[in-house]
Amino acid sequence: MMEKLRIILTRMEQEVRSASNPNQEMKQILSEFLASVVKLEQLAEVGKRYLITFQQGLEFLRRPSIHETSELVQSILKENETRRVKSYVEAGCINAYDSKLSVHQTNISLSRLHDHLIEGKSIISELETLMNKAGNWLQATPVDPLDPTGLVLSENSEHESTFESKEIPLHNDVSLNAGECASFMAVIYSMVKQDYVMQERVVSSLGLTSSSEELDSYCLMWSLRPSVNDDIINVVKSSFL
């Protein structure tokens, strides 16, 4: 009984603190949100290494053999025509051990990329939960009529709660109010969700038939993260410094 009373009193204290300082409550949610965003960024770096390893293994497997039509190459092979060299050339200049190692490398990398997607999806769900938490909190909190952010709660085509703001400050010396915190969360969520979807599409496209050009493009897009504006994320991070 006393434990239940303690929990009720604790919740009441939290509600009083939230009501007296709504901006601080929203910044706390934003802080948790940013922590998950950082985890997603770190995960993307790990995924990039797996993608590069997959590319290297696959490129090794289909490395062209010696160009024997070259007169220079023909003369070198003739001067060193041992059984070992002849067998190596006939095997496409790849020995059995290296070939087996490369196959293992590509399979492991692809498996880890799929694990990467599972972990990434979990973090995206965390972000969505925090978005919903922020939305519910804003709906239950009186809005200051003098709040300049013009906060509007809306839903996008995928029925995910988002927030729209007339203007988002992009200078580093910024102290965010509740409306701006929600707006930034919406923008950042949209960016990282698009980035995750891109990674998902890349991984689902990978295979032994992926061309060198495709793999180069995949690695480049993964590194560039075209849907993510780092300036926006850095502005939000700076508000906690």
Protein backbone atom coordinates (compact mmCIF):
# COMPACT_ATOMS: atom_id res chain seq x y z
CA MET A 1 0.00 0.00 0.00
CA MET A 2 2.78 2.40 0.95
CA GLU A 3 4.65 1.50 -2.25
CA LYS A 4 1.62 2.32 -4.40
CA LEU A 5 1.22 5.63 -2.56
CA ARG A 6 4.90 6.44 -3.15
CA ILE A 7 4.52 5.76 -6.90
CA ILE A 8 1.41 7.96 -7.08
CA LEU A 9 3.17 10.80 -5.24
CA THR A 10 6.22 10.49 -7.50
CA ARG A 11 4.04 10.73 -10.61
CA MET A 12 2.24 13.75 -9.16
CA GLU A 13 5.58 15.46 -8.51
CA GLN A 14 6.67 14.75 -12.08
CA GLU A 15 3.42 16.18 -13.42
CA VAL A 16 3.85 19.33 -11.32
CA ARG A 17 7.42 19.78 -12.55
CA SER A 18 6.33 19.22 -16.14
CA ALA A 19 3.50 21.75 -15.84
CA SER A 20 5.82 24.35 -14.33
CA ASN A 21 8.53 23.82 -16.94
CA PRO A 22 7.06 22.37 -20.16
CA ASN A 23 10.14 23.21 -22.22
CA GLN A 24 12.36 21.20 -19.89
CA GLU A 25 10.06 18.18 -20.13
CA MET A 26 10.17 18.25 -23.92
CA LYS A 27 13.95 18.70 -23.91
CA GLN A 28 14.22 15.56 -21.81
CA ILE A 29 12.27 13.65 -24.46
CA LEU A 30 14.46 15.21 -27.15
CA SER A 31 17.58 14.16 -25.23
CA GLU A 32 16.42 10.52 -25.25
CA PHE A 33 15.54 10.91 -28.93
CA LEU A 34 19.04 12.19 -29.78
CA ALA A 35 20.65 9.31 -27.89
CA SER A 36 18.82 6.88 -30.18
CA VAL A 37 19.81 8.93 -33.24
CA VAL A 38 23.47 8.67 -32.21
CA LYS A 39 23.09 4.89 -31.86
CA LEU A 40 21.64 4.80 -35.37
CA GLU A 41 24.57 6.84 -36.73
CA GLN A 42 27.08 4.50 -35.10
CA LEU A 43 25.22 1.51 -36.47
CA ALA A 44 25.36 3.01 -39.97
CA GLU A 45 29.16 3.24 -39.71
CA VAL A 46 29.38 -0.43 -38.74
CA GLY A 47 27.05 -1.34 -41.61
CA LYS A 48 29.25 0.58 -44.03
CA ARG A 49 32.23 -1.57 -43.04
CA TYR A 50 30.21 -4.74 -43.64
CA LEU A 51 29.16 -3.43 -47.05
CA ILE A 52 32.75 -2.64 -48.03
CA THR A 53 33.89 -6.08 -46.85
CA PHE A 54 31.15 -7.70 -48.94
CA GLN A 55 32.28 -5.70 -51.97
CA GLN A 56 35.94 -6.65 -51.49
CA GLY A 57 35.14 -10.34 -51.13
CA LEU A 58 32.93 -10.39 -54.21
CA GLU A 59 35.41 -8.45 -56.33
CA PHE A 60 38.16 -10.89 -55.37
CA LEU A 61 36.07 -13.86 -56.47
CA ARG A 62 35.50 -12.45 -59.94
CA ARG A 63 38.96 -10.99 -60.37
CA PRO A 64 40.05 -11.53 -63.99
CA SER A 65 42.75 -14.09 -64.66
CA ILE A 66 46.07 -13.32 -66.32
CA HIS A 67 45.81 -11.68 -69.73
CA GLU A 68 47.67 -14.39 -71.64
CA THR A 69 47.39 -12.69 -75.03
CA SER A 70 50.03 -10.22 -73.88
CA GLU A 71 53.43 -11.14 -75.33
CA LEU A 72 55.17 -10.04 -72.13
CA VAL A 73 52.89 -12.20 -69.97
CA GLN A 74 53.34 -15.16 -72.32
CA SER A 75 57.13 -14.89 -72.09
CA ILE A 76 57.05 -14.67 -68.27
CA LEU A 77 54.80 -17.71 -68.01
CA LYS A 78 56.97 -19.66 -70.44
CA GLU A 79 60.10 -18.86 -68.43
CA ASN A 80 58.39 -20.02 -65.22
CA GLU A 81 56.30 -22.87 -66.57
CA THR A 82 56.14 -25.13 -63.55
CA ARG A 83 53.24 -27.44 -62.68
CA ARG A 84 52.28 -25.18 -59.78
CA VAL A 85 52.18 -22.01 -61.90
CA LYS A 86 50.30 -23.80 -64.68
CA SER A 87 47.66 -25.08 -62.23
CA TYR A 88 47.33 -21.63 -60.68
CA VAL A 89 46.73 -19.99 -64.08
CA GLU A 90 44.23 -22.66 -65.11
CA ALA A 91 42.33 -22.06 -61.85
CA GLY A 92 41.91 -18.39 -62.78
CA CYS A 93 44.81 -17.23 -60.59
CA ILE A 94 42.85 -17.92 -57.41
CA ASN A 95 43.92 -20.69 -55.07
CA ALA A 96 41.35 -22.81 -53.27
CA TYR A 97 42.06 -21.33 -49.84
CA ASP A 98 41.65 -17.71 -50.96
CA SER A 99 38.50 -18.58 -52.87
CA LYS A 100 36.98 -20.32 -49.85
CA LEU A 101 37.95 -17.42 -47.61
CA SER A 102 36.33 -14.86 -49.93
CA VAL A 103 33.09 -16.85 -50.16
CA HIS A 104 33.00 -17.03 -46.36
CA GLN A 105 33.72 -13.30 -46.15
CA THR A 106 30.88 -12.33 -48.47
CA ASN A 107 28.40 -14.64 -46.72
CA ILE A 108 29.31 -13.38 -43.25
CA SER A 109 29.17 -9.74 -44.36
CA LEU A 110 25.75 -10.20 -45.93
CA SER A 111 24.46 -11.97 -42.82
CA ARG A 112 25.72 -9.15 -40.60
CA LEU A 113 24.12 -6.56 -42.86
CA HIS A 114 20.77 -8.29 -42.34
CA ASP A 115 21.41 -8.25 -38.58
CA HIS A 116 22.24 -4.55 -38.97
CA LEU A 117 18.80 -3.95 -40.46
CA ILE A 118 17.08 -5.73 -37.59
CA GLU A 119 18.93 -3.61 -35.04
CA GLY A 120 18.29 -0.46 -37.06
CA LYS A 121 14.57 -1.22 -37.23
CA SER A 122 14.51 -1.55 -33.45
CA ILE A 123 16.09 1.89 -33.03
CA ILE A 124 13.65 3.40 -35.54
CA SER A 125 10.85 1.98 -33.38
CA GLU A 126 12.43 3.66 -30.34
CA LEU A 127 12.41 6.99 -32.19
CA GLU A 128 8.79 6.50 -33.21
CA THR A 129 7.83 5.73 -29.61
CA LEU A 130 9.49 8.94 -28.45
CA MET A 131 7.71 10.85 -31.22
CA ASN A 132 4.38 9.51 -29.99
CA LYS A 133 5.34 10.34 -26.42
CA ALA A 134 6.10 13.91 -27.44
CA GLY A 135 2.84 14.14 -29.38
CA ASN A 136 0.77 12.85 -26.47
CA TRP A 137 2.55 15.19 -24.09
CA LEU A 138 1.89 18.21 -26.31
CA GLN A 139 -1.78 17.34 -26.68
CA ALA A 140 -2.12 17.12 -22.90
CA THR A 141 -0.20 20.34 -22.26
CA PRO A 142 -1.74 23.82 -22.68
CA VAL A 143 -0.16 25.66 -25.60
CA ASP A 144 1.17 29.14 -24.98
CA PRO A 145 -0.67 31.47 -27.42
CA LEU A 146 2.49 33.58 -27.64
CA ASP A 147 4.58 30.59 -28.72
CA PRO A 148 6.23 31.73 -32.00
CA THR A 149 6.84 28.24 -33.37
CA GLY A 150 3.42 27.76 -34.92
CA LEU A 151 3.34 24.13 -33.82
CA VAL A 152 0.87 21.91 -35.64
CA LEU A 153 0.26 18.23 -35.01
CA SER A 154 -0.39 16.36 -38.25
CA GLU A 155 -0.10 12.94 -39.86
CA ASN A 156 1.82 11.99 -42.97
CA SER A 157 0.91 9.53 -45.69
CA GLU A 158 2.21 6.59 -43.64
CA HIS A 159 -0.01 7.54 -40.67
CA GLU A 160 2.97 8.41 -38.52
CA SER A 161 2.62 11.35 -36.14
CA THR A 162 4.75 14.30 -37.21
CA PHE A 163 5.10 17.93 -36.27
CA GLU A 164 5.29 20.90 -38.58
CA SER A 165 6.74 24.27 -37.71
CA LYS A 166 6.76 27.55 -39.59
CA GLU A 167 10.47 27.99 -38.99
CA ILE A 168 13.26 25.93 -37.46
CA PRO A 169 16.25 27.87 -36.08
CA LEU A 170 19.52 26.72 -37.64
CA HIS A 171 22.02 28.79 -35.66
CA ASN A 172 24.21 27.12 -33.05
CA ASP A 173 23.43 29.50 -30.19
CA VAL A 174 19.93 28.20 -29.62
CA SER A 175 17.72 27.44 -26.63
CA LEU A 176 14.81 25.32 -27.77
CA ASN A 177 11.27 25.60 -26.46
CA ALA A 178 8.78 22.73 -26.44
CA GLY A 179 7.42 23.46 -29.90
CA GLU A 180 10.87 23.69 -31.47
CA CYS A 181 11.95 20.44 -29.80
CA ALA A 182 8.96 18.68 -31.33
CA SER A 183 9.63 20.21 -34.74
CA PHE A 184 13.25 19.11 -34.72
CA MET A 185 12.26 15.62 -33.68
CA ALA A 186 9.88 15.40 -36.62
CA VAL A 187 12.48 16.58 -39.14
CA ILE A 188 15.26 14.34 -37.79
CA TYR A 189 12.97 11.32 -37.60
CA SER A 190 11.98 11.79 -41.23
CA MET A 191 15.64 12.03 -42.30
CA VAL A 192 16.92 8.98 -40.44
CA LYS A 193 13.88 6.92 -41.42
CA GLN A 194 14.58 7.65 -45.10
CA ASP A 195 18.23 6.76 -44.56
CA TYR A 196 17.25 3.44 -42.98
CA VAL A 197 14.90 2.66 -45.88
CA MET A 198 17.77 3.35 -48.30
CA GLN A 199 20.02 0.94 -46.38
CA GLU A 200 17.23 -1.64 -46.40
CA ARG A 201 16.91 -1.37 -50.18
CA VAL A 202 20.67 -1.64 -50.66
CA VAL A 203 20.97 -4.78 -48.54
CA SER A 204 18.00 -6.43 -50.24
CA SER A 205 19.67 -5.77 -53.62
CA LEU A 206 22.99 -7.41 -52.71
CA GLY A 207 23.94 -10.72 -54.25
CA LEU A 208 26.65 -12.58 -56.13
CA THR A 209 25.36 -11.02 -59.36
CA SER A 210 25.69 -7.42 -58.11
CA SER A 211 27.87 -5.53 -60.57
CA SER A 212 30.97 -3.57 -59.60
CA GLU A 213 29.26 -0.34 -60.62
CA GLU A 214 26.26 -1.12 -58.42
CA LEU A 215 28.45 -1.93 -55.43
CA ASP A 216 30.42 1.30 -55.88
CA SER A 217 27.17 3.28 -55.96
CA TYR A 218 25.79 1.47 -52.91
CA CYS A 219 28.93 2.22 -50.89
CA LEU A 220 28.87 5.85 -51.98
CA MET A 221 25.20 6.36 -51.10
CA TRP A 222 25.68 4.63 -47.75
CA SER A 223 28.54 7.01 -46.92
CA LEU A 224 26.85 10.17 -48.23
CA ARG A 225 23.50 9.56 -46.47
CA PRO A 226 21.77 11.95 -48.92
CA SER A 227 18.55 12.21 -46.89
CA VAL A 228 20.34 13.32 -43.71
CA ASN A 229 21.20 16.97 -43.05
CA ASP A 230 23.95 16.89 -40.43
CA ASP A 231 23.63 20.64 -39.83
CA ILE A 232 20.14 20.18 -38.39
CA ILE A 233 21.25 17.37 -36.08
CA ASN A 234 24.29 19.37 -34.94
CA VAL A 235 22.12 22.38 -34.10
CA VAL A 236 19.96 20.23 -31.84
CA LYS A 237 23.00 18.66 -30.20
CA SER A 238 24.46 22.10 -29.53
CA SER A 239 21.36 23.07 -27.55
CA PHE A 240 22.46 20.57 -24.89
CA LEU A 241 26.03 21.88 -24.60
